[in-house]
N, C-alpha and C. Protein backbone atom coordinates (compact mmCIF):
# COMPACT_ATOMS: atom_id res chain seq x y z
N MET A 1 9.49 -47.79 -25.38
CA MET A 1 8.42 -48.59 -25.94
C MET A 1 7.50 -49.03 -24.80
N ALA A 2 6.23 -48.82 -25.02
CA ALA A 2 5.25 -49.15 -23.99
C ALA A 2 4.45 -50.38 -24.37
N GLN A 3 4.20 -51.22 -23.38
CA GLN A 3 3.36 -52.40 -23.58
C GLN A 3 1.90 -51.97 -23.40
N ILE A 4 1.05 -52.34 -24.34
CA ILE A 4 -0.37 -52.04 -24.25
C ILE A 4 -1.10 -53.36 -24.02
N GLU A 5 -2.01 -53.35 -23.05
CA GLU A 5 -2.80 -54.55 -22.76
C GLU A 5 -4.25 -54.16 -22.60
N ILE A 6 -5.12 -54.96 -23.22
CA ILE A 6 -6.56 -54.74 -23.13
C ILE A 6 -7.19 -56.09 -22.80
N ARG A 7 -8.05 -56.09 -21.78
CA ARG A 7 -8.67 -57.34 -21.34
C ARG A 7 -10.14 -57.10 -21.07
N GLU A 8 -10.98 -57.99 -21.57
CA GLU A 8 -12.42 -57.97 -21.30
C GLU A 8 -12.85 -59.39 -21.00
N SER A 9 -13.73 -59.55 -20.02
CA SER A 9 -14.26 -60.86 -19.64
C SER A 9 -15.76 -60.78 -19.53
N ALA A 10 -16.39 -61.94 -19.69
CA ALA A 10 -17.83 -62.02 -19.49
C ALA A 10 -18.19 -63.43 -19.02
N ASP A 11 -19.15 -63.49 -18.12
CA ASP A 11 -19.74 -64.76 -17.71
C ASP A 11 -20.95 -64.99 -18.58
N MET A 12 -21.17 -66.24 -18.97
CA MET A 12 -22.29 -66.55 -19.85
C MET A 12 -22.85 -67.92 -19.53
N VAL A 13 -24.08 -68.13 -19.95
CA VAL A 13 -24.74 -69.41 -19.77
C VAL A 13 -24.24 -70.35 -20.86
N GLY A 14 -23.86 -71.55 -20.46
CA GLY A 14 -23.40 -72.56 -21.41
C GLY A 14 -22.13 -73.20 -20.91
N SER A 15 -21.78 -74.32 -21.52
CA SER A 15 -20.60 -75.07 -21.08
C SER A 15 -19.31 -74.45 -21.63
N SER A 16 -18.26 -74.56 -20.85
CA SER A 16 -16.97 -74.05 -21.30
C SER A 16 -16.48 -74.86 -22.51
N GLU A 17 -16.83 -76.15 -22.55
CA GLU A 17 -16.44 -76.98 -23.69
C GLU A 17 -17.05 -76.44 -24.99
N GLN A 18 -18.34 -76.10 -24.94
CA GLN A 18 -19.02 -75.60 -26.13
C GLN A 18 -18.47 -74.22 -26.54
N ALA A 19 -18.20 -73.37 -25.56
CA ALA A 19 -17.62 -72.05 -25.86
C ALA A 19 -16.28 -72.21 -26.55
N TYR A 20 -15.47 -73.13 -26.06
CA TYR A 20 -14.16 -73.36 -26.66
C TYR A 20 -14.30 -73.90 -28.08
N LEU A 21 -15.25 -74.82 -28.29
CA LEU A 21 -15.46 -75.36 -29.64
C LEU A 21 -15.80 -74.25 -30.64
N ILE A 22 -16.63 -73.30 -30.21
CA ILE A 22 -16.99 -72.18 -31.08
C ILE A 22 -15.76 -71.33 -31.40
N LEU A 23 -14.99 -70.99 -30.37
CA LEU A 23 -13.82 -70.13 -30.56
C LEU A 23 -12.75 -70.81 -31.42
N ALA A 24 -12.55 -72.11 -31.23
CA ALA A 24 -11.48 -72.83 -31.94
C ALA A 24 -11.84 -73.16 -33.38
N ASP A 25 -13.12 -73.04 -33.74
CA ASP A 25 -13.58 -73.34 -35.10
C ASP A 25 -13.49 -72.07 -35.95
N TYR A 26 -12.37 -71.92 -36.65
CA TYR A 26 -12.12 -70.70 -37.42
C TYR A 26 -12.80 -70.69 -38.79
N ARG A 27 -13.44 -71.76 -39.16
CA ARG A 27 -14.18 -71.79 -40.43
C ARG A 27 -15.62 -71.32 -40.25
N HIS A 28 -16.24 -71.68 -39.13
CA HIS A 28 -17.65 -71.35 -38.94
C HIS A 28 -17.92 -70.66 -37.60
N GLY A 29 -17.51 -71.28 -36.50
CA GLY A 29 -17.83 -70.79 -35.17
C GLY A 29 -17.29 -69.40 -34.87
N HIS A 30 -15.97 -69.26 -34.94
CA HIS A 30 -15.35 -67.98 -34.60
C HIS A 30 -15.82 -66.84 -35.50
N PRO A 31 -15.85 -67.04 -36.82
CA PRO A 31 -16.34 -65.94 -37.67
C PRO A 31 -17.78 -65.54 -37.35
N SER A 32 -18.60 -66.48 -36.88
CA SER A 32 -20.01 -66.18 -36.62
C SER A 32 -20.21 -65.26 -35.42
N ILE A 33 -19.20 -65.14 -34.55
CA ILE A 33 -19.35 -64.26 -33.37
C ILE A 33 -18.64 -62.92 -33.53
N LEU A 34 -17.92 -62.74 -34.63
CA LEU A 34 -17.21 -61.47 -34.83
C LEU A 34 -18.20 -60.37 -35.18
N PRO A 35 -18.11 -59.23 -34.49
CA PRO A 35 -19.01 -58.12 -34.81
C PRO A 35 -18.71 -57.54 -36.19
N GLY A 36 -19.69 -57.60 -37.09
CA GLY A 36 -19.52 -57.12 -38.45
C GLY A 36 -19.21 -55.64 -38.54
N ARG A 37 -19.59 -54.92 -37.53
CA ARG A 37 -19.30 -53.48 -37.50
C ARG A 37 -17.79 -53.22 -37.46
N TYR A 38 -17.06 -54.18 -36.89
CA TYR A 38 -15.61 -53.99 -36.70
C TYR A 38 -14.74 -54.89 -37.58
N PHE A 39 -15.24 -56.06 -37.97
CA PHE A 39 -14.44 -56.99 -38.75
C PHE A 39 -14.95 -57.05 -40.19
N THR A 40 -14.04 -56.90 -41.14
CA THR A 40 -14.44 -56.97 -42.55
C THR A 40 -14.50 -58.42 -43.03
N HIS A 41 -13.63 -59.27 -42.47
CA HIS A 41 -13.59 -60.68 -42.84
C HIS A 41 -12.67 -61.44 -41.91
N LEU A 42 -12.82 -62.75 -41.92
CA LEU A 42 -11.87 -63.67 -41.30
C LEU A 42 -11.78 -64.85 -42.27
N THR A 43 -10.59 -65.06 -42.82
CA THR A 43 -10.37 -66.10 -43.80
C THR A 43 -9.36 -67.10 -43.26
N VAL A 44 -9.64 -68.38 -43.39
CA VAL A 44 -8.69 -69.41 -42.99
C VAL A 44 -7.71 -69.62 -44.14
N VAL A 45 -6.44 -69.45 -43.84
CA VAL A 45 -5.38 -69.65 -44.82
C VAL A 45 -4.88 -71.10 -44.75
N GLU A 46 -4.88 -71.64 -43.54
CA GLU A 46 -4.37 -72.99 -43.31
C GLU A 46 -5.07 -73.57 -42.09
N GLY A 47 -5.33 -74.85 -42.10
CA GLY A 47 -5.96 -75.50 -40.95
C GLY A 47 -7.43 -75.13 -40.87
N GLY A 48 -7.84 -74.70 -39.67
CA GLY A 48 -9.24 -74.30 -39.51
C GLY A 48 -9.77 -74.55 -38.11
N ARG A 49 -9.11 -75.44 -37.36
CA ARG A 49 -9.57 -75.72 -36.01
C ARG A 49 -8.36 -75.71 -35.06
N GLY A 50 -8.31 -74.69 -34.20
CA GLY A 50 -7.30 -74.64 -33.15
C GLY A 50 -5.87 -74.59 -33.64
N GLU A 51 -5.00 -75.29 -32.91
CA GLU A 51 -3.56 -75.31 -33.14
C GLU A 51 -3.22 -75.52 -34.61
N GLY A 52 -2.30 -74.69 -35.11
CA GLY A 52 -1.84 -74.82 -36.48
C GLY A 52 -2.64 -74.04 -37.50
N THR A 53 -3.73 -73.42 -37.07
CA THR A 53 -4.54 -72.63 -37.98
C THR A 53 -3.83 -71.31 -38.27
N VAL A 54 -3.93 -70.85 -39.50
CA VAL A 54 -3.43 -69.53 -39.90
C VAL A 54 -4.64 -68.78 -40.45
N ILE A 55 -4.86 -67.57 -39.94
CA ILE A 55 -6.01 -66.77 -40.36
C ILE A 55 -5.56 -65.43 -40.91
N ARG A 56 -6.40 -64.86 -41.72
CA ARG A 56 -6.22 -63.48 -42.22
C ARG A 56 -7.53 -62.77 -41.93
N PHE A 57 -7.43 -61.55 -41.39
CA PHE A 57 -8.64 -60.80 -41.05
C PHE A 57 -8.44 -59.31 -41.24
N GLY A 58 -9.56 -58.61 -41.35
CA GLY A 58 -9.55 -57.16 -41.45
C GLY A 58 -10.31 -56.59 -40.27
N LEU A 59 -9.73 -55.60 -39.62
CA LEU A 59 -10.31 -54.96 -38.45
C LEU A 59 -10.47 -53.47 -38.72
N LYS A 60 -11.72 -52.98 -38.56
CA LYS A 60 -12.01 -51.55 -38.78
C LYS A 60 -11.97 -50.83 -37.43
N LEU A 61 -11.00 -49.97 -37.27
CA LEU A 61 -10.88 -49.17 -36.04
C LEU A 61 -10.43 -47.77 -36.38
N GLY A 62 -11.04 -46.80 -35.75
CA GLY A 62 -10.62 -45.42 -35.94
C GLY A 62 -10.64 -44.96 -37.38
N GLY A 63 -11.60 -45.49 -38.16
CA GLY A 63 -11.72 -45.07 -39.54
C GLY A 63 -10.75 -45.74 -40.49
N ARG A 64 -9.97 -46.69 -40.00
CA ARG A 64 -9.01 -47.40 -40.84
C ARG A 64 -9.28 -48.90 -40.80
N ILE A 65 -8.96 -49.57 -41.89
CA ILE A 65 -9.03 -51.03 -41.91
C ILE A 65 -7.60 -51.56 -41.82
N GLN A 66 -7.37 -52.39 -40.83
CA GLN A 66 -6.06 -53.00 -40.65
C GLN A 66 -6.16 -54.47 -41.04
N GLU A 67 -5.34 -54.89 -41.97
CA GLU A 67 -5.28 -56.30 -42.38
C GLU A 67 -4.18 -56.98 -41.59
N ALA A 68 -4.43 -58.22 -41.18
CA ALA A 68 -3.43 -58.95 -40.42
C ALA A 68 -3.52 -60.43 -40.72
N THR A 69 -2.38 -61.10 -40.54
CA THR A 69 -2.30 -62.55 -40.61
C THR A 69 -1.84 -63.03 -39.24
N ALA A 70 -2.48 -64.09 -38.73
CA ALA A 70 -2.14 -64.57 -37.40
C ALA A 70 -2.03 -66.09 -37.38
N ASP A 71 -1.15 -66.58 -36.53
CA ASP A 71 -0.96 -68.01 -36.30
C ASP A 71 -1.65 -68.37 -34.98
N VAL A 72 -2.39 -69.46 -34.98
CA VAL A 72 -3.14 -69.88 -33.80
C VAL A 72 -2.41 -71.03 -33.11
N THR A 73 -2.29 -70.91 -31.78
CA THR A 73 -1.75 -71.99 -30.96
C THR A 73 -2.74 -72.28 -29.84
N GLU A 74 -2.57 -73.43 -29.21
CA GLU A 74 -3.40 -73.83 -28.07
C GLU A 74 -2.48 -74.22 -26.91
N PRO A 75 -1.99 -73.23 -26.17
CA PRO A 75 -1.09 -73.54 -25.05
C PRO A 75 -1.73 -74.49 -24.03
N VAL A 76 -3.04 -74.34 -23.83
CA VAL A 76 -3.79 -75.23 -22.94
C VAL A 76 -5.01 -75.69 -23.74
N PRO A 77 -4.91 -76.82 -24.46
CA PRO A 77 -6.03 -77.28 -25.29
C PRO A 77 -7.33 -77.39 -24.48
N GLY A 78 -8.40 -76.89 -25.09
CA GLY A 78 -9.69 -76.91 -24.42
C GLY A 78 -9.92 -75.74 -23.50
N ARG A 79 -8.87 -74.92 -23.29
CA ARG A 79 -9.01 -73.79 -22.39
C ARG A 79 -8.43 -72.48 -22.94
N THR A 80 -7.31 -72.55 -23.66
CA THR A 80 -6.64 -71.32 -24.10
C THR A 80 -6.24 -71.38 -25.57
N LEU A 81 -6.68 -70.37 -26.32
CA LEU A 81 -6.27 -70.17 -27.71
C LEU A 81 -5.48 -68.87 -27.78
N VAL A 82 -4.43 -68.86 -28.59
CA VAL A 82 -3.65 -67.64 -28.77
C VAL A 82 -3.51 -67.37 -30.26
N GLU A 83 -3.83 -66.14 -30.68
CA GLU A 83 -3.62 -65.68 -32.05
C GLU A 83 -2.43 -64.72 -32.03
N ARG A 84 -1.35 -65.11 -32.69
CA ARG A 84 -0.15 -64.26 -32.77
C ARG A 84 -0.09 -63.64 -34.15
N VAL A 85 -0.22 -62.33 -34.19
CA VAL A 85 -0.19 -61.61 -35.46
C VAL A 85 1.25 -61.57 -35.97
N ARG A 86 1.39 -61.74 -37.26
CA ARG A 86 2.71 -61.67 -37.89
C ARG A 86 3.06 -60.20 -38.09
N ASP A 87 3.53 -59.56 -37.04
CA ASP A 87 3.92 -58.16 -37.11
C ASP A 87 5.18 -57.96 -36.27
N ASP A 88 5.68 -56.74 -36.24
CA ASP A 88 6.90 -56.45 -35.50
C ASP A 88 6.60 -55.87 -34.12
N ARG A 89 5.36 -55.99 -33.67
CA ARG A 89 4.96 -55.41 -32.39
C ARG A 89 4.64 -56.46 -31.34
N GLY A 90 4.74 -57.73 -31.70
CA GLY A 90 4.46 -58.80 -30.75
C GLY A 90 2.99 -58.91 -30.39
N THR A 91 2.11 -58.54 -31.32
CA THR A 91 0.68 -58.53 -31.04
C THR A 91 0.15 -59.95 -30.88
N GLU A 92 -0.51 -60.19 -29.74
CA GLU A 92 -1.16 -61.48 -29.55
C GLU A 92 -2.44 -61.30 -28.76
N THR A 93 -3.44 -62.08 -29.16
CA THR A 93 -4.73 -62.09 -28.47
C THR A 93 -4.95 -63.48 -27.92
N THR A 94 -5.27 -63.54 -26.64
CA THR A 94 -5.51 -64.80 -25.95
C THR A 94 -6.98 -64.91 -25.58
N PHE A 95 -7.57 -66.04 -25.88
CA PHE A 95 -8.94 -66.36 -25.50
C PHE A 95 -8.86 -67.44 -24.42
N THR A 96 -9.35 -67.13 -23.23
CA THR A 96 -9.32 -68.09 -22.13
C THR A 96 -10.75 -68.42 -21.74
N VAL A 97 -11.03 -69.73 -21.66
CA VAL A 97 -12.36 -70.22 -21.34
C VAL A 97 -12.27 -71.02 -20.05
N GLU A 98 -13.11 -70.65 -19.06
CA GLU A 98 -13.08 -71.31 -17.76
C GLU A 98 -14.50 -71.61 -17.29
N PRO A 99 -14.69 -72.76 -16.65
CA PRO A 99 -16.00 -73.01 -16.03
C PRO A 99 -16.24 -71.96 -14.94
N ALA A 100 -17.48 -71.49 -14.83
CA ALA A 100 -17.81 -70.47 -13.82
C ALA A 100 -18.99 -70.92 -12.96
N GLY A 101 -19.24 -72.23 -12.91
CA GLY A 101 -20.36 -72.77 -12.16
C GLY A 101 -21.13 -73.73 -13.03
N PRO A 102 -22.20 -74.30 -12.49
CA PRO A 102 -22.99 -75.23 -13.28
C PRO A 102 -23.55 -74.55 -14.53
N ASN A 103 -23.18 -75.10 -15.68
CA ASN A 103 -23.62 -74.57 -16.99
C ASN A 103 -23.34 -73.08 -17.16
N ARG A 104 -22.23 -72.63 -16.59
CA ARG A 104 -21.80 -71.23 -16.75
C ARG A 104 -20.33 -71.22 -17.14
N THR A 105 -19.98 -70.24 -17.94
CA THR A 105 -18.62 -70.12 -18.48
C THR A 105 -18.15 -68.68 -18.37
N ARG A 106 -16.87 -68.52 -18.08
CA ARG A 106 -16.23 -67.20 -18.10
C ARG A 106 -15.23 -67.21 -19.24
N VAL A 107 -15.37 -66.23 -20.14
CA VAL A 107 -14.46 -66.11 -21.28
C VAL A 107 -13.76 -64.76 -21.19
N THR A 108 -12.45 -64.79 -21.38
CA THR A 108 -11.64 -63.57 -21.34
C THR A 108 -10.91 -63.42 -22.67
N ILE A 109 -10.96 -62.21 -23.21
CA ILE A 109 -10.17 -61.85 -24.39
C ILE A 109 -9.11 -60.86 -23.92
N HIS A 110 -7.86 -61.17 -24.18
CA HIS A 110 -6.75 -60.35 -23.70
C HIS A 110 -5.77 -60.13 -24.85
N THR A 111 -5.57 -58.88 -25.23
CA THR A 111 -4.64 -58.54 -26.31
C THR A 111 -3.52 -57.68 -25.74
N ARG A 112 -2.33 -57.96 -26.23
CA ARG A 112 -1.17 -57.14 -25.82
C ARG A 112 -0.24 -56.96 -27.01
N TRP A 113 0.41 -55.80 -27.03
CA TRP A 113 1.38 -55.50 -28.07
C TRP A 113 2.26 -54.36 -27.58
N THR A 114 3.31 -54.09 -28.33
CA THR A 114 4.24 -53.01 -27.98
C THR A 114 3.96 -51.80 -28.85
N ALA A 115 3.69 -50.67 -28.20
CA ALA A 115 3.52 -49.40 -28.92
C ALA A 115 4.91 -48.88 -29.26
N ARG A 116 5.05 -48.40 -30.46
CA ARG A 116 6.36 -47.91 -30.89
C ARG A 116 6.24 -46.50 -31.45
N GLY A 117 7.35 -45.83 -31.45
CA GLY A 117 7.41 -44.52 -32.07
C GLY A 117 6.99 -43.41 -31.12
N PRO A 118 7.12 -42.19 -31.60
CA PRO A 118 6.87 -41.03 -30.75
C PRO A 118 5.41 -40.89 -30.33
N LEU A 119 4.48 -41.50 -31.06
CA LEU A 119 3.07 -41.38 -30.71
C LEU A 119 2.55 -42.60 -29.96
N GLY A 120 3.45 -43.42 -29.43
CA GLY A 120 3.06 -44.61 -28.68
C GLY A 120 2.18 -44.28 -27.49
N TRP A 121 2.42 -43.14 -26.86
CA TRP A 121 1.60 -42.76 -25.70
C TRP A 121 0.16 -42.47 -26.12
N VAL A 122 -0.03 -41.95 -27.33
CA VAL A 122 -1.38 -41.70 -27.83
C VAL A 122 -2.09 -43.04 -28.05
N GLU A 123 -1.36 -43.98 -28.61
CA GLU A 123 -1.92 -45.31 -28.85
C GLU A 123 -2.36 -45.95 -27.53
N ARG A 124 -1.56 -45.77 -26.47
CA ARG A 124 -1.94 -46.32 -25.16
C ARG A 124 -3.23 -45.73 -24.64
N LEU A 125 -3.50 -44.48 -24.97
CA LEU A 125 -4.73 -43.83 -24.52
C LEU A 125 -5.93 -44.20 -25.39
N VAL A 126 -5.73 -44.30 -26.68
CA VAL A 126 -6.83 -44.48 -27.62
C VAL A 126 -7.21 -45.95 -27.82
N ALA A 127 -6.23 -46.83 -27.89
CA ALA A 127 -6.50 -48.23 -28.22
C ALA A 127 -7.53 -48.90 -27.29
N PRO A 128 -7.42 -48.73 -25.98
CA PRO A 128 -8.43 -49.37 -25.12
C PRO A 128 -9.85 -48.88 -25.41
N ARG A 129 -10.00 -47.61 -25.70
CA ARG A 129 -11.33 -47.07 -26.01
C ARG A 129 -11.89 -47.63 -27.31
N LEU A 130 -11.00 -47.97 -28.24
CA LEU A 130 -11.45 -48.53 -29.51
C LEU A 130 -11.71 -50.03 -29.43
N LEU A 131 -10.88 -50.76 -28.70
CA LEU A 131 -10.99 -52.22 -28.69
C LEU A 131 -11.98 -52.78 -27.67
N ARG A 132 -12.15 -52.11 -26.55
CA ARG A 132 -13.08 -52.66 -25.54
C ARG A 132 -14.48 -52.91 -26.09
N PRO A 133 -15.08 -51.97 -26.84
CA PRO A 133 -16.41 -52.24 -27.39
C PRO A 133 -16.42 -53.43 -28.36
N VAL A 134 -15.33 -53.64 -29.08
CA VAL A 134 -15.22 -54.78 -29.99
C VAL A 134 -15.29 -56.07 -29.18
N TYR A 135 -14.50 -56.14 -28.11
CA TYR A 135 -14.45 -57.35 -27.28
C TYR A 135 -15.77 -57.58 -26.55
N ARG A 136 -16.38 -56.51 -26.07
CA ARG A 136 -17.68 -56.66 -25.40
C ARG A 136 -18.72 -57.24 -26.35
N GLN A 137 -18.75 -56.76 -27.59
CA GLN A 137 -19.72 -57.27 -28.56
C GLN A 137 -19.39 -58.71 -28.94
N GLU A 138 -18.12 -59.01 -29.11
CA GLU A 138 -17.73 -60.38 -29.45
C GLU A 138 -18.13 -61.35 -28.33
N LEU A 139 -17.92 -60.95 -27.09
CA LEU A 139 -18.31 -61.79 -25.95
C LEU A 139 -19.83 -61.94 -25.88
N ALA A 140 -20.56 -60.86 -26.13
CA ALA A 140 -22.03 -60.93 -26.14
C ALA A 140 -22.49 -61.87 -27.25
N ASN A 141 -21.86 -61.80 -28.42
CA ASN A 141 -22.21 -62.69 -29.53
C ASN A 141 -21.93 -64.15 -29.18
N LEU A 142 -20.81 -64.39 -28.50
CA LEU A 142 -20.49 -65.75 -28.07
C LEU A 142 -21.54 -66.24 -27.08
N GLY A 143 -21.94 -65.40 -26.14
CA GLY A 143 -22.99 -65.76 -25.19
C GLY A 143 -24.28 -66.14 -25.89
N GLN A 144 -24.65 -65.37 -26.91
CA GLN A 144 -25.86 -65.68 -27.69
C GLN A 144 -25.70 -67.00 -28.45
N ALA A 145 -24.53 -67.23 -28.99
CA ALA A 145 -24.28 -68.47 -29.72
C ALA A 145 -24.38 -69.69 -28.78
N LEU A 146 -23.89 -69.54 -27.58
CA LEU A 146 -23.97 -70.63 -26.60
C LEU A 146 -25.43 -70.96 -26.27
N VAL A 147 -26.25 -69.94 -26.09
CA VAL A 147 -27.64 -70.14 -25.73
C VAL A 147 -28.39 -70.82 -26.88
N SER A 148 -28.02 -70.49 -28.11
CA SER A 148 -28.76 -71.01 -29.26
C SER A 148 -28.19 -72.31 -29.84
N THR A 149 -27.03 -72.76 -29.31
CA THR A 149 -26.39 -73.99 -29.80
C THR A 149 -26.69 -75.14 -28.85
N PRO A 150 -27.24 -76.22 -29.36
CA PRO A 150 -27.49 -77.38 -28.49
C PRO A 150 -26.16 -77.92 -27.95
N SER A 151 -26.18 -78.34 -26.71
CA SER A 151 -24.98 -78.88 -26.06
C SER A 151 -24.59 -80.20 -26.72
N ARG A 152 -23.29 -80.40 -26.91
CA ARG A 152 -22.77 -81.64 -27.48
C ARG A 152 -22.09 -82.43 -26.37
N ARG A 153 -22.84 -83.29 -25.75
CA ARG A 153 -22.27 -84.07 -24.63
C ARG A 153 -22.02 -85.49 -25.03
């Protein structure tokens, strides 16, 4: 069994606090930055803001739509959100938000899971090519949202 990891980061204009608020808001903020080309929906099942939230979403990759349910935790409130998919592969996506200078933020999306079965090696080759553009667009959308959202100080 092989571990697959995909990581994308971007520096953007705006406060890390505001970026985190957008990411942790699963009712309005987070869905607004998801690329529609890749996500069919994001529905809040329980909660809605950060820790304790349960979400359901559809992801279009490689011509298939994958439905998933995930539990959200905040290992480092204000800095790190983790979405753990309820699957047998240990799939989790971590969003890390860090200050990168005056009014600048660095956001990293990092997903990891275990490839299983005889075609796991194919998944290791194909998955990064499919997911990196999704993460790049999501980060670009977050950057745009930061620029267009007034700072809440």
